[in-house]
Amino acid sequence: MYNYSRKENDMKREEYISDDAVVKRANAAVKIELEKKKALDIPIVVYDRQTQTIYHESSDGTRVEIGTRMRKGRYSERIAKKA
């Protein structure tokens, strides 16, 4: 059985990072990845929430529509309409 002193337990708690820090790191990682794909001239997939359309966006800014959202509403709402 392990016998940790109080000081060791306090040190372990301080190693955790907050949720805000995790979100900031995730957003930074996504931003870096998008910049990397632009630099390598790799198209990215973008979803426009207003028009509910999916696009391929190239590094020069041109967009090519590749699809639209097929389903609308929540799953529970769609099931309720069928019943």
Protein backbone atom coordinates (compact mmCIF):
# COMPACT_ATOMS: atom_id res chain seq x y z
CA MET A 1 0.00 0.00 0.00
CA TYR A 2 1.21 3.48 -0.80
CA ASN A 3 1.83 6.00 1.90
CA TYR A 4 1.88 9.51 0.47
CA SER A 5 2.60 12.42 2.70
CA ARG A 6 0.29 15.41 2.65
CA LYS A 7 2.88 17.46 0.76
CA GLU A 8 3.10 14.92 -2.10
CA ASN A 9 -0.69 14.91 -2.53
CA ASP A 10 -0.75 18.71 -2.72
CA MET A 11 1.94 18.63 -5.39
CA LYS A 12 -0.07 16.18 -7.48
CA ARG A 13 -3.16 18.40 -7.40
CA GLU A 14 -1.16 21.34 -8.74
CA GLU A 15 -0.12 19.36 -11.82
CA TYR A 16 -3.63 19.45 -13.27
CA ILE A 17 -4.58 22.26 -15.62
CA SER A 18 -7.90 24.09 -15.65
CA ASP A 19 -10.63 23.58 -18.23
CA ASP A 20 -10.00 27.07 -19.60
CA ALA A 21 -6.36 26.20 -20.22
CA VAL A 22 -7.36 23.00 -22.03
CA VAL A 23 -9.78 24.93 -24.26
CA LYS A 24 -7.15 27.58 -25.05
CA ARG A 25 -4.61 24.90 -25.96
CA ALA A 26 -7.11 23.06 -28.17
CA ASN A 27 -8.08 26.26 -29.99
CA ALA A 28 -4.41 27.12 -30.50
CA ALA A 29 -3.71 23.63 -31.89
CA VAL A 30 -6.59 23.93 -34.38
CA LYS A 31 -5.44 27.38 -35.46
CA ILE A 32 -1.89 26.12 -36.03
CA GLU A 33 -3.14 23.13 -38.02
CA LEU A 34 -5.31 25.34 -40.26
CA GLU A 35 -2.37 27.69 -40.91
CA LYS A 36 -0.18 24.68 -41.71
CA LYS A 37 -2.71 23.35 -44.23
CA LYS A 38 -2.93 26.81 -45.86
CA ALA A 39 0.85 26.98 -46.16
CA LEU A 40 0.99 23.51 -47.73
CA ASP A 41 -1.89 24.40 -50.10
CA ILE A 42 -4.12 21.64 -48.73
CA PRO A 43 -7.85 22.39 -48.94
CA ILE A 44 -9.80 22.35 -45.69
CA VAL A 45 -13.44 21.47 -45.10
CA VAL A 46 -15.58 24.34 -43.78
CA TYR A 47 -19.17 24.18 -42.53
CA ASP A 48 -21.31 27.31 -42.89
CA ARG A 49 -23.90 27.24 -40.09
CA GLN A 50 -26.19 29.83 -41.63
CA THR A 51 -26.63 28.10 -44.99
CA GLN A 52 -25.88 24.62 -43.57
CA THR A 53 -23.53 23.98 -46.49
CA ILE A 54 -20.20 22.14 -46.52
CA TYR A 55 -17.34 23.60 -48.59
CA HIS A 56 -13.78 22.75 -49.62
CA GLU A 57 -11.80 25.95 -49.09
CA SER A 58 -8.42 26.29 -50.77
CA SER A 59 -5.51 28.42 -49.59
CA ASP A 60 -6.36 31.19 -52.07
CA GLY A 61 -9.84 31.54 -50.52
CA THR A 62 -11.92 29.90 -53.22
CA ARG A 63 -14.79 27.73 -52.00
CA VAL A 64 -16.30 24.73 -53.72
CA GLU A 65 -19.60 23.42 -52.37
CA ILE A 66 -19.44 19.70 -51.65
CA GLY A 67 -22.71 19.10 -49.80
CA THR A 68 -25.47 20.25 -47.52
CA ARG A 69 -26.73 19.15 -44.17
CA MET A 70 -29.12 16.24 -44.61
CA ARG A 71 -30.99 16.27 -41.33
CA LYS A 72 -32.41 19.17 -39.40
CA GLY A 73 -33.42 19.29 -35.77
CA ARG A 74 -32.57 17.06 -32.86
CA TYR A 75 -32.78 13.30 -33.03
CA SER A 76 -35.44 13.22 -30.30
CA GLU A 77 -37.58 15.70 -32.27
CA ARG A 78 -37.32 13.65 -35.47
CA ILE A 79 -38.31 10.46 -33.66
CA ALA A 80 -41.28 12.21 -32.00
CA LYS A 81 -42.58 13.30 -35.44
CA LYS A 82 -42.52 9.70 -36.72
CA ALA A 83 -44.42 8.33 -33.72
